[in-house]
N, C-alpha and C. Protein backbone atom coordinates (compact mmCIF):
# COMPACT_ATOMS: atom_id res chain seq x y z
N MET A 1 0.86 -1.16 0.00
CA MET A 1 0.00 0.00 0.00
C MET A 1 0.90 1.22 0.00
N ARG A 2 0.51 2.20 -0.79
CA ARG A 2 1.24 3.47 -0.82
C ARG A 2 0.25 4.58 -0.50
N VAL A 3 0.59 5.45 0.45
CA VAL A 3 -0.28 6.55 0.86
C VAL A 3 0.46 7.86 0.62
N THR A 4 -0.22 8.81 -0.05
CA THR A 4 0.37 10.11 -0.35
C THR A 4 -0.60 11.20 0.07
N GLN A 5 -0.13 12.17 0.83
CA GLN A 5 -0.99 13.29 1.20
C GLN A 5 -1.21 14.16 -0.04
N VAL A 6 -2.45 14.63 -0.23
CA VAL A 6 -2.79 15.44 -1.40
C VAL A 6 -3.54 16.69 -0.98
N ASP A 7 -3.66 17.62 -1.90
CA ASP A 7 -4.43 18.84 -1.68
C ASP A 7 -5.87 18.56 -2.12
N GLU A 8 -6.82 18.60 -1.19
CA GLU A 8 -8.21 18.27 -1.52
C GLU A 8 -8.80 19.19 -2.56
N ARG A 9 -8.22 20.34 -2.79
CA ARG A 9 -8.75 21.29 -3.79
C ARG A 9 -8.51 20.82 -5.21
N THR A 10 -7.75 19.74 -5.41
CA THR A 10 -7.52 19.24 -6.77
C THR A 10 -8.70 18.43 -7.30
N CYS A 11 -9.66 18.13 -6.45
CA CYS A 11 -10.85 17.38 -6.87
C CYS A 11 -11.73 18.27 -7.74
N GLU A 12 -12.06 17.79 -8.93
CA GLU A 12 -12.90 18.55 -9.84
C GLU A 12 -14.36 18.12 -9.82
N HIS A 13 -14.63 16.90 -9.36
CA HIS A 13 -16.00 16.40 -9.39
C HIS A 13 -16.18 15.35 -8.30
N GLU A 14 -17.27 15.44 -7.55
CA GLU A 14 -17.60 14.45 -6.54
C GLU A 14 -19.00 13.93 -6.80
N MET A 15 -19.22 12.65 -6.52
CA MET A 15 -20.53 12.03 -6.72
C MET A 15 -20.81 11.11 -5.55
N ASN A 16 -22.04 11.08 -5.12
CA ASN A 16 -22.48 10.09 -4.13
C ASN A 16 -23.09 8.91 -4.88
N ALA A 17 -22.71 7.72 -4.48
CA ALA A 17 -23.26 6.52 -5.11
C ALA A 17 -24.74 6.40 -4.79
N ASP A 18 -25.51 5.88 -5.75
CA ASP A 18 -26.94 5.64 -5.54
C ASP A 18 -27.18 4.31 -4.86
N GLY A 19 -26.18 3.49 -4.81
CA GLY A 19 -26.26 2.17 -4.18
C GLY A 19 -25.06 1.36 -4.60
N TYR A 20 -25.18 0.06 -4.51
CA TYR A 20 -24.07 -0.84 -4.82
C TYR A 20 -24.56 -1.93 -5.76
N ARG A 21 -23.64 -2.49 -6.51
CA ARG A 21 -23.94 -3.65 -7.33
C ARG A 21 -22.97 -4.76 -6.93
N VAL A 22 -23.53 -5.93 -6.69
CA VAL A 22 -22.74 -7.09 -6.31
C VAL A 22 -22.87 -8.14 -7.39
N ALA A 23 -21.74 -8.64 -7.84
CA ALA A 23 -21.70 -9.77 -8.76
C ALA A 23 -21.19 -10.96 -7.97
N VAL A 24 -22.05 -11.95 -7.76
CA VAL A 24 -21.66 -13.18 -7.09
C VAL A 24 -21.17 -14.13 -8.18
N VAL A 25 -19.93 -14.58 -8.04
CA VAL A 25 -19.28 -15.37 -9.09
C VAL A 25 -19.22 -16.83 -8.66
N TYR A 26 -19.72 -17.70 -9.54
CA TYR A 26 -19.75 -19.14 -9.30
C TYR A 26 -18.73 -19.83 -10.21
N PRO A 27 -18.28 -21.01 -9.83
CA PRO A 27 -17.42 -21.78 -10.73
C PRO A 27 -18.11 -21.97 -12.09
N GLY A 28 -17.31 -22.09 -13.13
CA GLY A 28 -17.87 -22.23 -14.47
C GLY A 28 -18.22 -20.90 -15.09
N ARG A 29 -17.70 -19.81 -14.50
CA ARG A 29 -17.89 -18.45 -15.02
C ARG A 29 -19.35 -18.01 -15.03
N ARG A 30 -20.10 -18.49 -14.05
CA ARG A 30 -21.49 -18.05 -13.90
C ARG A 30 -21.53 -16.89 -12.91
N VAL A 31 -22.42 -15.93 -13.16
CA VAL A 31 -22.52 -14.73 -12.32
C VAL A 31 -23.99 -14.43 -12.06
N ALA A 32 -24.30 -14.10 -10.81
CA ALA A 32 -25.62 -13.58 -10.44
C ALA A 32 -25.38 -12.16 -9.93
N THR A 33 -26.14 -11.20 -10.45
CA THR A 33 -25.90 -9.80 -10.15
C THR A 33 -27.07 -9.21 -9.37
N PHE A 34 -26.75 -8.41 -8.35
CA PHE A 34 -27.76 -7.83 -7.46
C PHE A 34 -27.47 -6.35 -7.22
N ASP A 35 -28.52 -5.54 -7.16
CA ASP A 35 -28.40 -4.18 -6.66
C ASP A 35 -28.69 -4.20 -5.17
N VAL A 36 -27.83 -3.57 -4.39
CA VAL A 36 -27.96 -3.53 -2.93
C VAL A 36 -28.08 -2.07 -2.54
N ASP A 37 -29.19 -1.71 -1.91
CA ASP A 37 -29.49 -0.31 -1.60
C ASP A 37 -29.80 -0.11 -0.13
N GLU A 38 -29.84 1.18 0.25
CA GLU A 38 -30.21 1.60 1.61
C GLU A 38 -29.32 0.94 2.66
N CYS A 39 -28.00 0.99 2.41
CA CYS A 39 -27.04 0.39 3.34
C CYS A 39 -25.71 1.13 3.22
N SER A 40 -24.83 0.86 4.16
CA SER A 40 -23.47 1.41 4.11
C SER A 40 -22.60 0.52 3.22
N THR A 41 -21.43 1.03 2.89
CA THR A 41 -20.48 0.23 2.13
C THR A 41 -20.12 -1.04 2.88
N GLN A 42 -19.93 -0.93 4.19
CA GLN A 42 -19.58 -2.09 5.00
C GLN A 42 -20.69 -3.14 4.97
N GLU A 43 -21.94 -2.69 5.03
CA GLU A 43 -23.07 -3.63 4.99
C GLU A 43 -23.17 -4.31 3.63
N ALA A 44 -22.96 -3.55 2.55
CA ALA A 44 -22.99 -4.14 1.21
C ALA A 44 -21.87 -5.16 1.05
N ARG A 45 -20.69 -4.83 1.56
CA ARG A 45 -19.57 -5.77 1.46
C ARG A 45 -19.83 -7.03 2.28
N ALA A 46 -20.39 -6.88 3.48
CA ALA A 46 -20.70 -8.05 4.31
C ALA A 46 -21.70 -8.96 3.60
N TRP A 47 -22.72 -8.36 2.98
CA TRP A 47 -23.72 -9.14 2.23
C TRP A 47 -23.03 -9.89 1.08
N ALA A 48 -22.16 -9.17 0.36
CA ALA A 48 -21.45 -9.77 -0.77
C ALA A 48 -20.53 -10.90 -0.30
N GLU A 49 -19.82 -10.69 0.79
CA GLU A 49 -18.91 -11.72 1.31
C GLU A 49 -19.67 -12.98 1.70
N ALA A 50 -20.82 -12.81 2.33
CA ALA A 50 -21.62 -13.98 2.73
C ALA A 50 -22.06 -14.78 1.51
N ARG A 51 -22.49 -14.10 0.44
CA ARG A 51 -22.91 -14.80 -0.77
C ARG A 51 -21.70 -15.38 -1.50
N GLY A 52 -20.61 -14.62 -1.52
CA GLY A 52 -19.40 -15.08 -2.20
C GLY A 52 -18.80 -16.31 -1.56
N ASP A 53 -18.90 -16.40 -0.22
CA ASP A 53 -18.39 -17.58 0.48
C ASP A 53 -19.14 -18.83 0.06
N GLU A 54 -20.45 -18.69 -0.19
CA GLU A 54 -21.27 -19.82 -0.62
C GLU A 54 -21.01 -20.19 -2.08
N ALA A 55 -20.63 -19.19 -2.89
CA ALA A 55 -20.54 -19.39 -4.33
C ALA A 55 -19.12 -19.68 -4.81
N GLY A 56 -18.21 -18.84 -4.44
CA GLY A 56 -16.84 -18.95 -4.94
C GLY A 56 -16.13 -17.61 -4.89
N GLY A 57 -16.87 -16.53 -5.05
CA GLY A 57 -16.28 -15.20 -5.00
C GLY A 57 -17.31 -14.14 -5.29
N PHE A 58 -16.88 -12.88 -5.18
CA PHE A 58 -17.80 -11.76 -5.44
C PHE A 58 -17.01 -10.56 -5.92
N SER A 59 -17.74 -9.62 -6.52
CA SER A 59 -17.22 -8.31 -6.87
C SER A 59 -18.22 -7.29 -6.37
N LEU A 60 -17.72 -6.16 -5.86
CA LEU A 60 -18.56 -5.10 -5.31
C LEU A 60 -18.25 -3.80 -6.03
N ALA A 61 -19.30 -3.11 -6.47
CA ALA A 61 -19.13 -1.82 -7.16
C ALA A 61 -20.05 -0.78 -6.56
N ALA A 62 -19.59 0.47 -6.55
CA ALA A 62 -20.48 1.60 -6.27
C ALA A 62 -21.28 1.83 -7.56
N ARG A 63 -22.58 2.09 -7.42
CA ARG A 63 -23.47 2.22 -8.57
C ARG A 63 -24.00 3.64 -8.67
N PHE A 64 -23.95 4.21 -9.88
CA PHE A 64 -24.45 5.55 -10.15
C PHE A 64 -25.53 5.44 -11.20
N ASP A 65 -26.78 5.77 -10.81
CA ASP A 65 -27.94 5.54 -11.67
C ASP A 65 -28.28 6.68 -12.63
N HIS A 66 -27.59 7.76 -12.57
CA HIS A 66 -28.01 8.94 -13.32
C HIS A 66 -27.54 8.97 -14.77
N VAL A 67 -27.22 7.86 -15.32
CA VAL A 67 -26.81 7.78 -16.71
C VAL A 67 -28.07 7.82 -17.58
N PRO A 68 -28.07 8.58 -18.70
CA PRO A 68 -29.24 8.63 -19.57
C PRO A 68 -29.67 7.25 -20.07
N LYS A 69 -30.92 7.11 -20.39
CA LYS A 69 -31.51 5.90 -20.96
C LYS A 69 -31.51 4.72 -19.99
N GLY A 70 -31.50 4.98 -18.69
CA GLY A 70 -31.66 3.92 -17.71
C GLY A 70 -30.43 3.09 -17.41
N GLY A 71 -29.30 3.44 -17.98
CA GLY A 71 -28.08 2.69 -17.69
C GLY A 71 -27.49 3.08 -16.35
N VAL A 72 -26.44 2.42 -15.98
CA VAL A 72 -25.73 2.74 -14.74
C VAL A 72 -24.24 2.82 -15.02
N THR A 73 -23.55 3.54 -14.16
CA THR A 73 -22.09 3.57 -14.15
C THR A 73 -21.64 2.82 -12.92
N LEU A 74 -20.64 1.96 -13.07
CA LEU A 74 -20.11 1.20 -11.94
C LEU A 74 -18.66 1.58 -11.70
N MET A 75 -18.30 1.71 -10.42
CA MET A 75 -16.90 1.87 -10.03
C MET A 75 -16.57 0.69 -9.12
N TRP A 76 -15.72 -0.21 -9.61
CA TRP A 76 -15.41 -1.41 -8.85
C TRP A 76 -14.62 -1.05 -7.60
N LEU A 77 -15.09 -1.54 -6.46
CA LEU A 77 -14.43 -1.35 -5.17
C LEU A 77 -13.57 -2.56 -4.81
N THR A 78 -13.79 -3.65 -5.52
CA THR A 78 -13.00 -4.88 -5.40
C THR A 78 -12.64 -5.29 -6.82
N PRO A 79 -11.81 -6.30 -7.01
CA PRO A 79 -11.53 -6.75 -8.38
C PRO A 79 -12.83 -7.08 -9.12
N PRO A 80 -12.90 -6.74 -10.41
CA PRO A 80 -14.11 -6.99 -11.19
C PRO A 80 -14.36 -8.48 -11.39
N PRO A 81 -15.58 -8.85 -11.81
CA PRO A 81 -15.94 -10.26 -11.95
C PRO A 81 -14.98 -11.07 -12.81
N GLU A 82 -14.47 -10.48 -13.88
CA GLU A 82 -13.57 -11.22 -14.76
C GLU A 82 -12.32 -11.68 -14.00
N ASP A 83 -11.81 -10.83 -13.11
CA ASP A 83 -10.63 -11.21 -12.32
C ASP A 83 -10.97 -12.33 -11.34
N VAL A 84 -12.16 -12.27 -10.76
CA VAL A 84 -12.59 -13.33 -9.83
C VAL A 84 -12.74 -14.64 -10.59
N MET A 85 -13.31 -14.58 -11.80
CA MET A 85 -13.46 -15.78 -12.62
C MET A 85 -12.11 -16.42 -12.91
N GLU A 86 -11.14 -15.60 -13.27
CA GLU A 86 -9.80 -16.12 -13.57
C GLU A 86 -9.19 -16.80 -12.35
N ALA A 87 -9.39 -16.20 -11.17
CA ALA A 87 -8.85 -16.79 -9.93
C ALA A 87 -9.52 -18.13 -9.64
N LEU A 88 -10.83 -18.23 -9.89
CA LEU A 88 -11.53 -19.49 -9.66
C LEU A 88 -11.10 -20.56 -10.65
N ASP A 89 -10.74 -20.14 -11.87
CA ASP A 89 -10.31 -21.09 -12.90
C ASP A 89 -8.90 -21.62 -12.65
N ALA A 90 -8.12 -20.88 -11.86
CA ALA A 90 -6.70 -21.25 -11.65
C ALA A 90 -6.56 -22.51 -10.82
């Protein structure tokens, strides 16, 4: 881990997540995806970890719903599903 002190004034844009998206990854590259709302990041991660322990792994993303045409933007907070799939395949 590398930590560097920064000037907070360099931030040009801030957004609050609308919720979280969890991808539960199963062996055989199968994925079940869930939106998790009305919770803290820690609660969303705990929910994801519980499901991932049963399945094989999980990915957790912050979800931003304000994209035009009903889409979402995801920012992965853990390795994305493809990385989890590769680890399960190894």
